[in-house]
Amino acid sequence: MGVKTYKEAGVDIEAADKFIQKIVPLIKTTYQPGVLTEIGGFGGLFSLQEYSFTDPVLVASTDGVGTKLLLAELLGKYDTIGLDLVAMCVDDVVVCGAKPLFFLDYIATGKLDPAKLEDFIRGVVKGCQIAECALIGGETAELPGLYEREKFDVAGFCVGIVERSKIIDGHLCSPGDVVIGLASSGLHSNGYSLVRRLFSPDELRSSLGEELLTPTRIYTPLVLKLLNQVPIKAMAHITGGGLIDNLPRVVPRGVTIEIREQSWLVPEIFSSVQKRGNIEKKEMFRTFNMGIGLALIVSPEVAESAIQILRGEGEKAWEIGRLIEGDGSVLII
């Protein structure tokens, strides 16, 4: 066959090593107390000695950014999806009441493109800085034959920590509790397989595509700050499945979530998508976040206080619904 080296087979180990060495200084800007190892080891070590917990519990999450990657490729812009990747993981961790500690990423590609991947890593680093968690490791895999040369996929992994007595799991929720919605920055990282079918590549190469690349919001610092001021009974990160599928995951059986459709400002991008595809309302609410990226459930006595605190932090927050007795479903009214 004439192929005698790994490089000739499509895997350039030296290029991968050079890429890693180039991004190491960038990664170190995310380091937090507890990081014990340099990038390049077989595993990232993190000490909990800096954290004072009586009964610590670790919380882990993993996620990706889906076909939003294809939109990034179409526009040649990769830093925002790095932010998306971090947000999808750290926001899943914080809804349990946990502080994210560290993050790892996995990049798989057909052919290493250092410039493209460096942009992506810059987004990951920015996300970790916002969430105040350390990027302590990862993997970059060149997989010719499995991926086309210009294609790549990513995954993220986050570990956080919470005191066992402060875990938020929704078991205290009851009828009468209030649902507070926090504004999303757009579609976040869900529904892009549908969106890409509705709009042509030329349309997506315009300002529409730029808007659709707006990264997923990182709510972590805001939520951790609010937890020190207001008791929160449950939280839901509104990702795939929208309000309809995500809210029931955090409430007890026998409780239904009643959401008032007109109680918050839905960004125009959702109307544009709905009109283009003539999509039914239920499908919109099950596919997209509809302008609510995170939902909090609190007792009615503290609801107004929580909203005012959030707005004082510059957050767009609304009372969007209540819990009632029922079968565990979500009612959009």
Protein backbone atom coordinates (compact mmCIF):
# COMPACT_ATOMS: atom_id res chain seq x y z
CA MET A 1 0.00 0.00 0.00
CA GLY A 2 2.99 2.33 0.41
CA VAL A 3 1.89 3.64 3.80
CA LYS A 4 4.66 3.16 6.36
CA THR A 5 3.99 5.75 9.06
CA TYR A 6 1.10 6.87 11.25
CA LYS A 7 1.38 10.33 9.69
CA GLU A 8 0.96 8.89 6.19
CA ALA A 9 -2.14 7.11 7.47
CA GLY A 10 -3.61 10.47 8.46
CA VAL A 11 -2.60 10.89 12.12
CA ASP A 12 0.00 13.57 12.84
CA ILE A 13 1.16 13.10 16.44
CA GLU A 14 3.70 15.95 16.23
CA ALA A 15 1.05 18.40 15.05
CA ALA A 16 -1.20 17.36 17.92
CA ASP A 17 1.62 17.84 20.44
CA LYS A 18 2.39 21.31 19.05
CA PHE A 19 -1.28 22.25 19.28
CA ILE A 20 -1.47 21.16 22.92
CA GLN A 21 1.70 23.05 23.88
CA LYS A 22 0.35 26.19 22.24
CA ILE A 23 -2.89 26.17 24.24
CA VAL A 24 -1.38 25.24 27.63
CA PRO A 25 -0.81 28.90 28.70
CA LEU A 26 -4.41 29.66 27.77
CA ILE A 27 -5.71 26.71 29.78
CA LYS A 28 -3.71 27.73 32.86
CA THR A 29 -5.74 30.94 33.10
CA THR A 30 -8.66 28.78 34.30
CA TYR A 31 -6.80 27.17 37.19
CA GLN A 32 -8.48 27.31 40.58
CA PRO A 33 -7.30 26.33 44.07
CA GLY A 34 -7.13 22.56 44.04
CA VAL A 35 -5.47 21.96 40.66
CA LEU A 36 -2.45 19.68 41.26
CA THR A 37 -1.31 18.69 37.78
CA GLU A 38 -0.11 20.22 34.54
CA ILE A 39 -1.77 19.52 31.20
CA GLY A 40 -0.37 16.40 29.56
CA GLY A 41 -0.65 13.81 32.31
CA PHE A 42 -2.74 10.66 32.12
CA GLY A 43 -5.29 12.21 34.46
CA GLY A 44 -6.07 15.57 35.99
CA LEU A 45 -5.66 15.74 39.76
CA PHE A 46 -7.78 18.04 41.89
CA SER A 47 -7.56 18.41 45.67
CA LEU A 48 -10.61 19.13 47.83
CA GLN A 49 -8.50 20.34 50.73
CA GLU A 50 -9.25 23.96 49.83
CA TYR A 51 -12.98 23.36 50.31
CA SER A 52 -14.57 23.09 53.73
CA PHE A 53 -17.35 20.51 53.62
CA THR A 54 -18.73 18.31 56.37
CA ASP A 55 -20.28 15.73 54.03
CA PRO A 56 -19.23 16.58 50.45
CA VAL A 57 -21.00 15.09 47.46
CA LEU A 58 -19.57 15.21 43.93
CA VAL A 59 -21.89 16.01 41.03
CA ALA A 60 -20.89 15.07 37.47
CA SER A 61 -22.31 15.97 34.06
CA THR A 62 -21.40 15.39 30.43
CA ASP A 63 -22.84 16.88 27.24
CA GLY A 64 -22.09 18.13 23.74
CA VAL A 65 -23.34 20.90 21.46
CA GLY A 66 -25.02 18.78 18.79
CA THR A 67 -25.43 19.96 15.22
CA LYS A 68 -24.81 23.57 16.20
CA LEU A 69 -21.28 22.57 15.21
CA LEU A 70 -22.40 22.45 11.57
CA LEU A 71 -23.61 26.04 11.78
CA ALA A 72 -20.26 27.06 13.28
CA GLU A 73 -18.54 25.35 10.37
CA LEU A 74 -20.78 27.11 7.86
CA LEU A 75 -19.86 30.51 9.34
CA GLY A 76 -16.23 29.62 10.10
CA LYS A 77 -16.65 30.69 13.73
CA TYR A 78 -15.77 28.24 16.50
CA ASP A 79 -15.18 30.15 19.74
CA THR A 80 -18.85 30.45 20.71
CA ILE A 81 -19.42 26.70 20.63
CA GLY A 82 -16.63 26.32 23.17
CA LEU A 83 -18.73 28.49 25.47
CA ASP A 84 -21.77 26.37 24.61
CA LEU A 85 -19.97 23.21 25.64
CA VAL A 86 -19.04 24.54 29.06
CA ALA A 87 -22.49 26.01 29.65
CA MET A 88 -24.30 22.77 28.83
CA CYS A 89 -22.29 20.97 31.51
CA VAL A 90 -21.82 23.51 34.32
CA ASP A 91 -25.47 24.59 34.27
CA ASP A 92 -26.51 20.94 34.66
CA VAL A 93 -24.26 20.71 37.73
CA VAL A 94 -25.37 23.95 39.39
CA VAL A 95 -29.07 23.04 39.31
CA CYS A 96 -28.21 20.43 41.95
CA GLY A 97 -26.86 23.24 44.12
CA ALA A 98 -23.25 22.33 43.32
CA LYS A 99 -20.28 24.54 42.57
CA PRO A 100 -18.44 23.36 39.42
CA LEU A 101 -14.83 22.45 40.26
CA PHE A 102 -13.23 21.29 37.04
CA PHE A 103 -13.94 20.60 33.38
CA LEU A 104 -12.48 18.38 30.67
CA ASP A 105 -13.11 18.35 26.94
CA TYR A 106 -12.90 15.78 24.16
CA ILE A 107 -12.31 16.76 20.53
CA ALA A 108 -12.51 14.23 17.69
CA THR A 109 -11.66 15.26 14.13
CA GLY A 110 -10.78 13.83 10.75
CA LYS A 111 -7.79 16.13 10.32
CA LEU A 112 -6.28 18.41 12.94
CA ASP A 113 -6.82 22.09 12.11
CA PRO A 114 -4.89 24.00 14.80
CA ALA A 115 -6.42 27.41 14.04
CA LYS A 116 -9.98 26.09 14.16
CA LEU A 117 -9.44 24.11 17.34
CA GLU A 118 -7.59 26.94 19.05
CA ASP A 119 -10.63 29.17 18.51
CA PHE A 120 -12.78 26.46 20.03
CA ILE A 121 -10.50 26.10 23.06
CA ARG A 122 -10.54 29.86 23.57
CA GLY A 123 -14.31 29.57 23.94
CA VAL A 124 -13.95 26.70 26.40
CA VAL A 125 -11.46 28.73 28.44
CA LYS A 126 -13.77 31.75 28.50
CA GLY A 127 -16.63 29.53 29.67
CA CYS A 128 -14.52 28.02 32.44
CA GLN A 129 -13.47 31.49 33.55
CA ILE A 130 -17.11 32.62 33.76
CA ALA A 131 -18.11 29.48 35.67
CA GLU A 132 -14.98 29.70 37.84
CA CYS A 133 -14.00 26.11 37.19
CA ALA A 134 -10.64 24.76 36.07
CA LEU A 135 -9.93 23.17 32.71
CA ILE A 136 -7.69 20.36 33.94
CA GLY A 137 -7.44 18.08 30.93
CA GLY A 138 -8.94 16.70 27.78
CA GLU A 139 -8.29 14.69 24.65
CA THR A 140 -7.75 15.63 21.02
CA ALA A 141 -8.21 12.64 18.72
CA GLU A 142 -7.41 12.64 15.01
CA LEU A 143 -9.64 9.95 13.48
CA PRO A 144 -9.31 9.75 9.69
CA GLY A 145 -11.87 7.45 8.17
CA LEU A 146 -14.29 7.97 11.01
CA TYR A 147 -14.63 11.72 10.40
CA GLU A 148 -14.25 13.65 7.16
CA ARG A 149 -11.14 15.87 7.11
CA GLU A 150 -12.90 19.12 8.02
CA LYS A 151 -15.42 17.62 10.44
CA PHE A 152 -15.11 17.39 14.19
CA ASP A 153 -17.21 16.71 17.26
CA VAL A 154 -16.81 17.72 20.89
CA ALA A 155 -17.92 16.60 24.32
CA GLY A 156 -17.50 18.13 27.74
CA PHE A 157 -17.28 16.73 31.27
CA CYS A 158 -17.76 18.68 34.49
CA VAL A 159 -17.49 17.75 38.17
CA GLY A 160 -18.86 19.92 40.96
CA ILE A 161 -19.27 19.71 44.73
CA VAL A 162 -22.12 20.32 47.16
CA GLU A 163 -22.75 19.72 50.85
CA ARG A 164 -25.09 16.73 51.16
CA SER A 165 -27.53 18.73 53.30
CA LYS A 166 -27.69 21.43 50.59
CA ILE A 167 -28.41 19.20 47.59
CA ILE A 168 -31.30 20.60 45.56
CA ASP A 169 -33.41 17.73 44.19
CA GLY A 170 -36.96 19.06 44.22
CA HIS A 171 -38.31 16.82 46.99
CA LEU A 172 -39.54 19.87 48.94
CA CYS A 173 -41.68 21.17 46.05
CA SER A 174 -45.44 21.28 46.63
CA PRO A 175 -48.59 22.79 45.08
CA GLY A 176 -48.55 26.57 45.36
CA ASP A 177 -44.84 26.94 44.72
CA VAL A 178 -43.79 29.49 42.12
CA VAL A 179 -41.80 28.93 38.91
CA ILE A 180 -39.34 31.70 38.04
CA GLY A 181 -37.91 31.82 34.54
CA LEU A 182 -34.51 33.27 33.66
CA ALA A 183 -34.04 34.61 30.15
CA SER A 184 -32.14 32.60 27.57
CA SER A 185 -29.81 34.19 25.04
CA GLY A 186 -31.65 32.50 22.18
CA LEU A 187 -31.82 28.87 21.13
CA HIS A 188 -28.79 27.93 23.24
CA SER A 189 -27.72 24.48 21.94
CA ASN A 190 -30.95 22.71 21.05
CA GLY A 191 -33.14 22.36 17.99
CA TYR A 192 -30.47 22.98 15.36
CA SER A 193 -31.22 19.85 13.34
CA LEU A 194 -34.68 21.32 12.75
CA VAL A 195 -33.48 24.89 12.17
CA ARG A 196 -30.95 23.79 9.55
CA ARG A 197 -33.79 22.12 7.62
CA LEU A 198 -35.89 25.29 7.66
CA PHE A 199 -33.30 27.81 6.42
CA SER A 200 -30.99 27.59 3.43
CA PRO A 201 -27.18 27.77 3.80
CA ASP A 202 -27.24 31.23 2.21
CA GLU A 203 -29.77 32.44 4.78
CA LEU A 204 -27.70 30.96 7.60
CA ARG A 205 -24.54 32.71 6.35
CA SER A 206 -26.21 36.05 7.16
CA SER A 207 -26.95 37.86 10.39
CA LEU A 208 -29.48 35.11 11.09
CA GLY A 209 -26.66 32.59 11.39
CA GLU A 210 -24.71 34.95 13.65
CA GLU A 211 -27.73 35.23 15.94
CA LEU A 212 -28.18 31.47 15.98
CA LEU A 213 -24.54 31.07 17.05
CA THR A 214 -25.13 33.16 20.18
CA PRO A 215 -23.71 30.93 22.92
CA THR A 216 -25.64 29.24 25.68
CA ARG A 217 -25.79 31.34 28.84
CA ILE A 218 -23.75 30.29 31.84
CA TYR A 219 -26.05 30.81 34.83
CA THR A 220 -23.70 29.25 37.38
CA PRO A 221 -22.26 32.37 39.14
CA LEU A 222 -25.68 33.99 39.35
CA VAL A 223 -27.34 30.88 40.80
CA LEU A 224 -24.60 30.30 43.38
CA LYS A 225 -24.95 33.91 44.51
CA LEU A 226 -28.74 33.64 44.74
CA LEU A 227 -28.50 30.42 46.78
CA ASN A 228 -26.82 32.43 49.55
CA GLN A 229 -29.83 34.73 49.77
CA VAL A 230 -32.97 32.76 48.92
CA PRO A 231 -33.99 29.12 49.53
CA ILE A 232 -34.52 27.38 46.18
CA LYS A 233 -36.51 24.14 46.13
CA ALA A 234 -35.69 23.00 42.60
CA MET A 235 -33.97 24.13 39.41
CA ALA A 236 -34.19 22.94 35.82
CA HIS A 237 -31.75 23.66 33.01
CA ILE A 238 -34.01 24.07 29.96
CA THR A 239 -32.23 22.13 27.22
CA GLY A 240 -33.51 19.48 24.79
CA GLY A 241 -37.18 18.85 25.54
CA GLY A 242 -37.84 22.46 26.53
CA LEU A 243 -40.01 23.41 29.48
CA ILE A 244 -42.34 20.49 28.79
CA ASP A 245 -39.77 17.75 29.37
CA ASN A 246 -37.26 19.37 31.74
CA LEU A 247 -39.46 20.78 34.51
CA PRO A 248 -41.07 17.41 35.39
CA ARG A 249 -37.59 16.00 36.02
CA VAL A 250 -37.20 18.10 39.19
CA VAL A 251 -40.60 17.92 40.92
CA PRO A 252 -42.22 15.11 42.96
CA ARG A 253 -45.00 12.89 41.69
CA GLY A 254 -48.49 14.28 42.10
CA VAL A 255 -47.44 17.77 41.07
CA THR A 256 -48.21 19.45 37.75
CA ILE A 257 -46.43 22.57 36.50
CA GLU A 258 -48.72 25.25 35.12
CA ILE A 259 -46.86 27.69 32.83
CA ARG A 260 -48.44 30.96 31.70
CA GLU A 261 -47.42 31.48 28.10
CA GLN A 262 -47.69 35.28 28.06
CA SER A 263 -45.75 35.89 31.28
CA TRP A 264 -42.33 36.48 29.72
CA LEU A 265 -40.80 38.05 26.62
CA VAL A 266 -40.15 35.44 23.93
CA PRO A 267 -37.29 36.52 21.61
CA GLU A 268 -38.25 37.12 17.98
CA ILE A 269 -35.98 34.32 16.74
CA PHE A 270 -38.46 31.73 18.04
CA SER A 271 -41.34 33.33 16.14
CA SER A 272 -39.21 33.37 12.98
CA VAL A 273 -38.50 29.66 13.31
CA GLN A 274 -42.12 28.83 14.07
CA LYS A 275 -43.45 30.81 11.11
CA ARG A 276 -40.90 29.42 8.66
CA GLY A 277 -41.76 25.82 9.56
CA ASN A 278 -45.44 26.34 10.42
CA ILE A 279 -44.60 24.51 13.64
CA GLU A 280 -47.27 23.73 16.22
CA LYS A 281 -46.99 25.44 19.60
CA LYS A 282 -46.49 22.19 21.53
CA GLU A 283 -43.64 21.20 19.23
CA MET A 284 -41.99 24.59 19.73
CA PHE A 285 -42.18 24.23 23.52
CA ARG A 286 -40.80 20.70 23.38
CA THR A 287 -37.95 21.45 20.98
CA PHE A 288 -36.80 24.91 22.06
CA ASN A 289 -36.40 26.79 25.35
CA MET A 290 -38.74 29.55 24.09
CA GLY A 291 -36.73 32.25 25.84
CA ILE A 292 -36.35 30.54 29.24
CA GLY A 293 -32.91 29.02 29.77
CA LEU A 294 -33.20 28.18 33.46
CA ALA A 295 -36.20 27.70 35.75
CA LEU A 296 -36.25 28.03 39.54
CA ILE A 297 -38.97 26.76 41.86
CA VAL A 298 -39.41 28.61 45.16
CA SER A 299 -42.07 29.06 47.82
CA PRO A 300 -44.55 31.89 47.13
CA GLU A 301 -43.27 33.77 50.20
CA VAL A 302 -39.84 34.35 48.65
CA ALA A 303 -40.73 34.55 44.95
CA GLU A 304 -40.89 38.33 44.67
CA SER A 305 -37.70 38.75 46.69
CA ALA A 306 -35.88 36.28 44.42
CA ILE A 307 -37.04 38.10 41.29
CA GLN A 308 -35.95 41.46 42.65
CA ILE A 309 -32.53 40.09 43.58
CA LEU A 310 -32.13 38.64 40.09
CA ARG A 311 -33.19 41.87 38.43
CA GLY A 312 -30.80 43.75 40.69
CA GLU A 313 -28.05 41.63 39.14
CA GLY A 314 -29.18 42.71 35.68
CA GLU A 315 -31.05 39.47 35.05
CA LYS A 316 -34.30 39.24 33.10
CA ALA A 317 -36.49 37.14 35.37
CA TRP A 318 -40.23 36.53 35.51
CA GLU A 319 -42.79 34.57 37.49
CA ILE A 320 -43.88 32.22 34.73
CA GLY A 321 -46.03 29.66 36.53
CA ARG A 322 -47.04 27.71 39.60
CA LEU A 323 -47.20 24.15 40.84
CA ILE A 324 -50.63 22.57 41.24
CA GLU A 325 -51.86 19.12 42.17
CA GLY A 326 -51.78 16.83 39.18
CA ASP A 327 -50.10 14.07 37.24
CA GLY A 328 -46.57 15.45 36.82
CA SER A 329 -47.13 17.05 33.42
CA VAL A 330 -46.57 20.61 32.21
CA LEU A 331 -49.56 22.67 31.17
CA ILE A 332 -48.94 25.65 28.90
CA ILE A 333 -51.87 28.01 29.41
